[in-house]
């Protein structure tokens, strides 16, 4: 049975940092301290976008894991690729809610800048 994740995105900048444009069919980094996930696990995400009282449910697949003891003070959590019937709808909804005036410099939560390492 898929694990449930709840992700309330508080503001536009958090959405920008959580959104992963480079993932086929869309994806998000979901911060969590839960350490029982494995790659390819299926999860259900209850997602609330900034400035919206509505919660959206989307099914996803774990495509990477950032553990709590990661270097460079990266948030612990999981990278989730959207799958399922409403993946495109949720992906389009997220894209329409991004703040395009804020440049994240390619940084996404859970992925640090290792260029200087």
N, C-alpha and C. Protein backbone atom coordinates (compact mmCIF):
# COMPACT_ATOMS: atom_id res chain seq x y z
N UNK A 1 0.85 -1.19 0.00
CA UNK A 1 0.00 0.00 0.00
C UNK A 1 0.90 1.25 0.00
N UNK A 2 0.61 2.21 -0.87
CA UNK A 2 1.46 3.41 -0.95
C UNK A 2 1.44 4.23 0.34
N UNK A 3 2.59 4.78 0.66
CA UNK A 3 2.73 5.68 1.81
C UNK A 3 2.10 7.03 1.45
N UNK A 4 1.52 7.70 2.43
CA UNK A 4 0.96 9.03 2.23
C UNK A 4 1.92 10.08 2.71
N UNK A 5 2.10 11.12 1.89
CA UNK A 5 2.89 12.29 2.26
C UNK A 5 1.97 13.50 2.20
N UNK A 6 2.16 14.41 3.10
CA UNK A 6 1.40 15.66 3.10
C UNK A 6 2.40 16.79 2.92
N UNK A 7 2.13 17.64 1.94
CA UNK A 7 3.05 18.74 1.69
C UNK A 7 2.26 20.02 1.48
N UNK A 8 2.33 20.88 2.49
CA UNK A 8 1.72 22.21 2.43
C UNK A 8 2.83 23.18 2.06
N UNK A 9 2.76 23.72 0.85
CA UNK A 9 3.77 24.66 0.38
C UNK A 9 3.33 26.06 0.78
N UNK A 10 4.12 26.69 1.64
CA UNK A 10 3.71 27.94 2.29
C UNK A 10 3.73 29.16 1.40
N UNK A 11 4.69 29.22 0.45
CA UNK A 11 4.80 30.44 -0.36
C UNK A 11 5.39 30.11 -1.73
N UNK A 12 5.40 31.11 -2.59
CA UNK A 12 5.86 30.93 -3.97
C UNK A 12 7.32 30.50 -4.06
N UNK A 13 8.16 31.06 -3.20
CA UNK A 13 9.59 30.72 -3.29
C UNK A 13 9.81 29.26 -2.91
N UNK A 14 9.06 28.76 -1.93
CA UNK A 14 9.16 27.34 -1.57
C UNK A 14 8.69 26.47 -2.73
N UNK A 15 7.65 26.90 -3.41
CA UNK A 15 7.19 26.15 -4.58
C UNK A 15 8.27 26.12 -5.66
N UNK A 16 8.88 27.27 -5.91
CA UNK A 16 9.96 27.33 -6.91
C UNK A 16 11.10 26.38 -6.55
N UNK A 17 11.47 26.33 -5.28
CA UNK A 17 12.58 25.47 -4.86
C UNK A 17 12.18 23.99 -4.84
N UNK A 18 10.92 23.70 -4.64
CA UNK A 18 10.47 22.30 -4.57
C UNK A 18 10.20 21.71 -5.95
N UNK A 19 9.82 22.54 -6.89
CA UNK A 19 9.47 22.08 -8.23
C UNK A 19 10.72 21.61 -8.97
N UNK A 20 10.59 20.49 -9.65
CA UNK A 20 11.72 19.93 -10.40
C UNK A 20 11.34 19.87 -11.88
N UNK A 21 11.70 20.90 -12.60
CA UNK A 21 11.33 21.02 -14.02
C UNK A 21 12.03 19.97 -14.88
N UNK A 22 13.11 19.42 -14.41
CA UNK A 22 13.91 18.47 -15.18
C UNK A 22 13.40 17.04 -15.08
N UNK A 23 12.32 16.81 -14.34
CA UNK A 23 11.76 15.47 -14.18
C UNK A 23 10.66 15.26 -15.20
N UNK A 24 10.76 14.17 -15.97
CA UNK A 24 9.74 13.85 -16.98
C UNK A 24 8.37 13.73 -16.30
N UNK A 25 7.39 14.40 -16.84
CA UNK A 25 6.01 14.44 -16.34
C UNK A 25 5.87 15.21 -15.03
N UNK A 26 6.93 15.89 -14.61
CA UNK A 26 6.85 16.74 -13.44
C UNK A 26 7.22 16.03 -12.15
N UNK A 27 7.65 16.82 -11.21
CA UNK A 27 8.01 16.26 -9.92
C UNK A 27 8.28 17.34 -8.90
N UNK A 28 8.32 16.91 -7.66
CA UNK A 28 8.58 17.80 -6.54
C UNK A 28 9.57 17.15 -5.59
N UNK A 29 10.33 17.99 -4.91
CA UNK A 29 11.07 17.53 -3.76
C UNK A 29 10.16 17.73 -2.56
N UNK A 30 9.90 16.67 -1.81
CA UNK A 30 9.02 16.74 -0.65
C UNK A 30 9.88 16.57 0.60
N UNK A 31 10.03 17.63 1.39
CA UNK A 31 10.81 17.51 2.62
C UNK A 31 10.12 16.55 3.59
N UNK A 32 10.89 15.64 4.15
CA UNK A 32 10.37 14.71 5.15
C UNK A 32 11.53 14.13 5.94
N UNK A 33 11.27 13.84 7.19
CA UNK A 33 12.27 13.16 8.02
C UNK A 33 12.05 11.65 8.03
N UNK A 34 11.00 11.19 7.36
CA UNK A 34 10.73 9.76 7.29
C UNK A 34 11.89 9.09 6.56
N UNK A 35 12.46 8.07 7.16
CA UNK A 35 13.65 7.46 6.55
C UNK A 35 13.41 6.04 6.04
N UNK A 36 12.16 5.66 5.86
CA UNK A 36 11.86 4.29 5.42
C UNK A 36 11.63 4.14 3.93
N UNK A 37 11.85 5.19 3.15
CA UNK A 37 11.60 5.11 1.72
C UNK A 37 12.74 4.42 0.99
N UNK A 38 12.38 3.77 -0.12
CA UNK A 38 13.35 3.18 -1.03
C UNK A 38 13.06 3.72 -2.43
N UNK A 39 14.08 3.71 -3.29
CA UNK A 39 13.87 4.11 -4.67
C UNK A 39 12.77 3.26 -5.29
N UNK A 40 11.95 3.89 -6.12
CA UNK A 40 10.83 3.27 -6.83
C UNK A 40 9.62 3.00 -5.95
N UNK A 41 9.65 3.37 -4.65
CA UNK A 41 8.45 3.28 -3.83
C UNK A 41 7.38 4.18 -4.42
N UNK A 42 6.14 3.76 -4.33
CA UNK A 42 5.01 4.56 -4.77
C UNK A 42 4.42 5.27 -3.56
N UNK A 43 4.14 6.57 -3.71
CA UNK A 43 3.57 7.37 -2.63
C UNK A 43 2.37 8.15 -3.16
N UNK A 44 1.49 8.50 -2.24
CA UNK A 44 0.39 9.43 -2.54
C UNK A 44 0.70 10.73 -1.82
N UNK A 45 0.67 11.82 -2.56
CA UNK A 45 0.98 13.13 -1.97
C UNK A 45 -0.29 13.96 -1.90
N UNK A 46 -0.62 14.41 -0.69
CA UNK A 46 -1.65 15.42 -0.50
C UNK A 46 -0.92 16.75 -0.55
N UNK A 47 -1.18 17.51 -1.60
CA UNK A 47 -0.42 18.71 -1.90
C UNK A 47 -1.31 19.94 -1.79
N UNK A 48 -0.86 20.91 -1.02
CA UNK A 48 -1.56 22.19 -0.95
C UNK A 48 -0.60 23.27 -1.44
N UNK A 49 -1.01 23.97 -2.48
CA UNK A 49 -0.19 25.02 -3.08
C UNK A 49 -0.39 26.35 -2.35
N UNK A 50 0.56 27.27 -2.49
CA UNK A 50 0.44 28.57 -1.81
C UNK A 50 -0.84 29.30 -2.23
N UNK A 51 -1.40 30.00 -1.27
CA UNK A 51 -2.58 30.84 -1.51
C UNK A 51 -3.78 30.05 -2.01
N UNK A 52 -3.86 28.77 -1.66
CA UNK A 52 -4.98 27.94 -2.08
C UNK A 52 -5.42 27.05 -0.92
N UNK A 53 -6.69 27.07 -0.59
CA UNK A 53 -7.17 26.20 0.49
C UNK A 53 -7.37 24.75 0.03
N UNK A 54 -7.35 24.54 -1.28
CA UNK A 54 -7.64 23.23 -1.84
C UNK A 54 -6.43 22.30 -1.75
N UNK A 55 -6.69 21.04 -1.43
CA UNK A 55 -5.65 20.02 -1.41
C UNK A 55 -5.81 19.14 -2.64
N UNK A 56 -4.69 18.86 -3.30
CA UNK A 56 -4.67 18.01 -4.49
C UNK A 56 -3.93 16.73 -4.16
N UNK A 57 -4.42 15.64 -4.68
CA UNK A 57 -3.75 14.35 -4.46
C UNK A 57 -3.11 13.91 -5.76
N UNK A 58 -1.86 13.49 -5.67
CA UNK A 58 -1.16 12.99 -6.85
C UNK A 58 -0.32 11.79 -6.43
N UNK A 59 -0.29 10.80 -7.29
CA UNK A 59 0.54 9.63 -7.06
C UNK A 59 1.93 9.89 -7.61
N UNK A 60 2.93 9.37 -6.93
CA UNK A 60 4.29 9.60 -7.37
C UNK A 60 5.19 8.41 -7.09
N UNK A 61 6.36 8.45 -7.72
CA UNK A 61 7.37 7.42 -7.53
C UNK A 61 8.62 8.08 -6.98
N UNK A 62 9.20 7.50 -5.94
CA UNK A 62 10.43 8.02 -5.34
C UNK A 62 11.58 7.81 -6.33
N UNK A 63 12.22 8.91 -6.73
CA UNK A 63 13.32 8.80 -7.68
C UNK A 63 14.66 9.18 -7.06
N UNK A 64 14.65 9.82 -5.90
CA UNK A 64 15.88 9.98 -5.13
C UNK A 64 15.53 10.27 -3.69
N UNK A 65 16.50 10.04 -2.84
CA UNK A 65 16.33 10.20 -1.40
C UNK A 65 17.49 11.05 -0.89
N UNK A 66 17.16 12.10 -0.14
CA UNK A 66 18.17 12.91 0.51
C UNK A 66 18.03 12.65 2.01
N UNK A 67 18.98 11.91 2.60
CA UNK A 67 18.86 11.57 4.02
C UNK A 67 19.14 12.77 4.93
N UNK A 68 18.73 12.63 6.17
CA UNK A 68 18.88 13.72 7.15
C UNK A 68 20.33 14.09 7.40
N UNK A 69 21.26 13.18 7.19
CA UNK A 69 22.67 13.46 7.48
C UNK A 69 23.45 13.91 6.25
N UNK A 70 22.76 14.48 5.27
CA UNK A 70 23.42 14.93 4.04
C UNK A 70 24.35 16.10 4.30
N UNK A 71 25.33 16.23 3.43
CA UNK A 71 26.27 17.35 3.51
C UNK A 71 25.60 18.64 3.06
N UNK A 72 26.22 19.75 3.34
CA UNK A 72 25.85 21.07 2.83
C UNK A 72 24.48 21.55 3.31
N UNK A 73 24.02 21.05 4.44
CA UNK A 73 22.77 21.50 5.05
C UNK A 73 21.58 21.42 4.11
N UNK A 74 21.54 20.39 3.30
CA UNK A 74 20.42 20.16 2.39
C UNK A 74 19.27 19.58 3.20
N UNK A 75 18.04 19.98 2.87
CA UNK A 75 16.87 19.45 3.55
C UNK A 75 16.75 17.94 3.31
N UNK A 76 16.39 17.17 4.33
CA UNK A 76 16.10 15.76 4.10
C UNK A 76 14.74 15.63 3.41
N UNK A 77 14.60 14.62 2.58
CA UNK A 77 13.33 14.41 1.91
C UNK A 77 13.48 13.49 0.72
N UNK A 78 12.46 13.52 -0.13
CA UNK A 78 12.43 12.64 -1.30
C UNK A 78 12.07 13.41 -2.55
N UNK A 79 12.70 13.02 -3.65
CA UNK A 79 12.32 13.52 -4.96
C UNK A 79 11.27 12.58 -5.52
N UNK A 80 10.16 13.15 -5.95
CA UNK A 80 9.02 12.35 -6.41
C UNK A 80 8.67 12.73 -7.84
N UNK A 81 8.61 11.73 -8.69
CA UNK A 81 8.16 11.92 -10.07
C UNK A 81 6.67 11.62 -10.10
N UNK A 82 5.89 12.54 -10.69
CA UNK A 82 4.45 12.33 -10.77
C UNK A 82 4.13 11.19 -11.73
N UNK A 83 3.21 10.35 -11.32
CA UNK A 83 2.72 9.26 -12.16
C UNK A 83 1.21 9.21 -11.96
N UNK A 84 0.55 8.40 -12.71
CA UNK A 84 -0.89 8.23 -12.51
C UNK A 84 -1.71 9.13 -13.42
N UNK A 85 -3.00 8.98 -13.26
CA UNK A 85 -3.96 9.62 -14.16
C UNK A 85 -3.93 11.14 -14.14
N UNK A 86 -3.68 11.75 -12.99
CA UNK A 86 -3.73 13.21 -12.92
C UNK A 86 -2.35 13.85 -12.87
N UNK A 87 -1.30 13.11 -13.21
CA UNK A 87 0.07 13.65 -13.16
C UNK A 87 0.21 14.90 -14.01
N UNK A 88 -0.29 14.88 -15.22
CA UNK A 88 -0.17 16.04 -16.11
C UNK A 88 -0.96 17.23 -15.57
N UNK A 89 -2.13 16.97 -15.05
CA UNK A 89 -2.96 18.05 -14.49
C UNK A 89 -2.25 18.74 -13.33
N UNK A 90 -1.68 17.95 -12.41
CA UNK A 90 -0.98 18.52 -11.27
C UNK A 90 0.28 19.25 -11.73
N UNK A 91 0.99 18.66 -12.68
CA UNK A 91 2.20 19.30 -13.21
C UNK A 91 1.85 20.66 -13.81
N UNK A 92 0.81 20.72 -14.62
CA UNK A 92 0.39 21.99 -15.23
C UNK A 92 -0.06 22.99 -14.17
N UNK A 93 -0.76 22.51 -13.14
CA UNK A 93 -1.21 23.39 -12.06
C UNK A 93 -0.02 24.00 -11.33
N UNK A 94 0.98 23.19 -11.04
CA UNK A 94 2.18 23.69 -10.37
C UNK A 94 2.90 24.72 -11.25
N UNK A 95 3.08 24.39 -12.52
CA UNK A 95 3.76 25.32 -13.42
C UNK A 95 3.03 26.65 -13.50
N UNK A 96 1.72 26.63 -13.46
CA UNK A 96 0.96 27.88 -13.54
C UNK A 96 1.04 28.68 -12.24
N UNK A 97 1.47 28.06 -11.15
CA UNK A 97 1.59 28.74 -9.86
C UNK A 97 3.01 29.15 -9.52
N UNK A 98 3.97 28.84 -10.38
CA UNK A 98 5.35 29.24 -10.12
C UNK A 98 5.50 30.76 -10.21
N UNK A 99 6.41 31.30 -9.45
CA UNK A 99 6.72 32.72 -9.52
C UNK A 99 7.90 32.87 -10.47
N UNK A 100 7.62 33.23 -11.69
CA UNK A 100 8.67 33.34 -12.71
C UNK A 100 9.56 34.57 -12.54
N UNK A 101 9.24 35.42 -11.57
CA UNK A 101 10.11 36.57 -11.30
C UNK A 101 11.24 36.19 -10.36
N UNK A 102 11.15 35.03 -9.74
CA UNK A 102 12.17 34.56 -8.79
C UNK A 102 13.03 33.51 -9.47
N UNK A 103 14.31 33.79 -9.63
CA UNK A 103 15.24 32.84 -10.23
C UNK A 103 15.91 32.04 -9.11
N UNK A 104 15.77 30.73 -9.15
CA UNK A 104 16.39 29.88 -8.12
C UNK A 104 17.78 29.45 -8.53
N UNK A 105 18.25 29.87 -9.69
CA UNK A 105 19.59 29.53 -10.14
C UNK A 105 19.79 28.06 -10.39
N UNK A 106 18.70 27.35 -10.67
CA UNK A 106 18.80 25.91 -10.91
C UNK A 106 18.82 25.09 -9.63
N UNK A 107 18.78 25.77 -8.48
CA UNK A 107 18.79 25.06 -7.21
C UNK A 107 17.41 24.51 -6.92
N UNK A 108 17.35 23.30 -6.43
CA UNK A 108 16.11 22.72 -5.95
C UNK A 108 16.37 22.15 -4.56
N UNK A 109 15.38 22.18 -3.68
CA UNK A 109 15.53 21.56 -2.37
C UNK A 109 16.03 20.13 -2.55
N UNK A 110 16.92 19.73 -1.69
CA UNK A 110 17.41 18.37 -1.73
C UNK A 110 18.57 18.15 -2.68
N UNK A 111 18.88 19.16 -3.49
CA UNK A 111 20.01 19.06 -4.41
C UNK A 111 20.89 20.27 -4.13
N UNK A 112 22.06 20.06 -3.65
CA UNK A 112 22.95 21.17 -3.33
C UNK A 112 23.84 21.52 -4.49
N UNK A 113 24.46 22.65 -4.40
CA UNK A 113 25.43 23.07 -5.41
C UNK A 113 26.77 22.44 -5.07
N UNK A 114 27.18 21.49 -5.87
CA UNK A 114 28.44 20.78 -5.61
C UNK A 114 29.56 21.28 -6.52
N UNK A 115 29.34 22.38 -7.21
CA UNK A 115 30.35 22.88 -8.15
C UNK A 115 31.64 23.26 -7.45
N UNK A 116 31.56 23.68 -6.20
CA UNK A 116 32.75 24.12 -5.47
C UNK A 116 33.34 23.03 -4.58
N UNK A 117 32.86 21.81 -4.71
CA UNK A 117 33.32 20.74 -3.85
C UNK A 117 34.61 20.17 -4.36
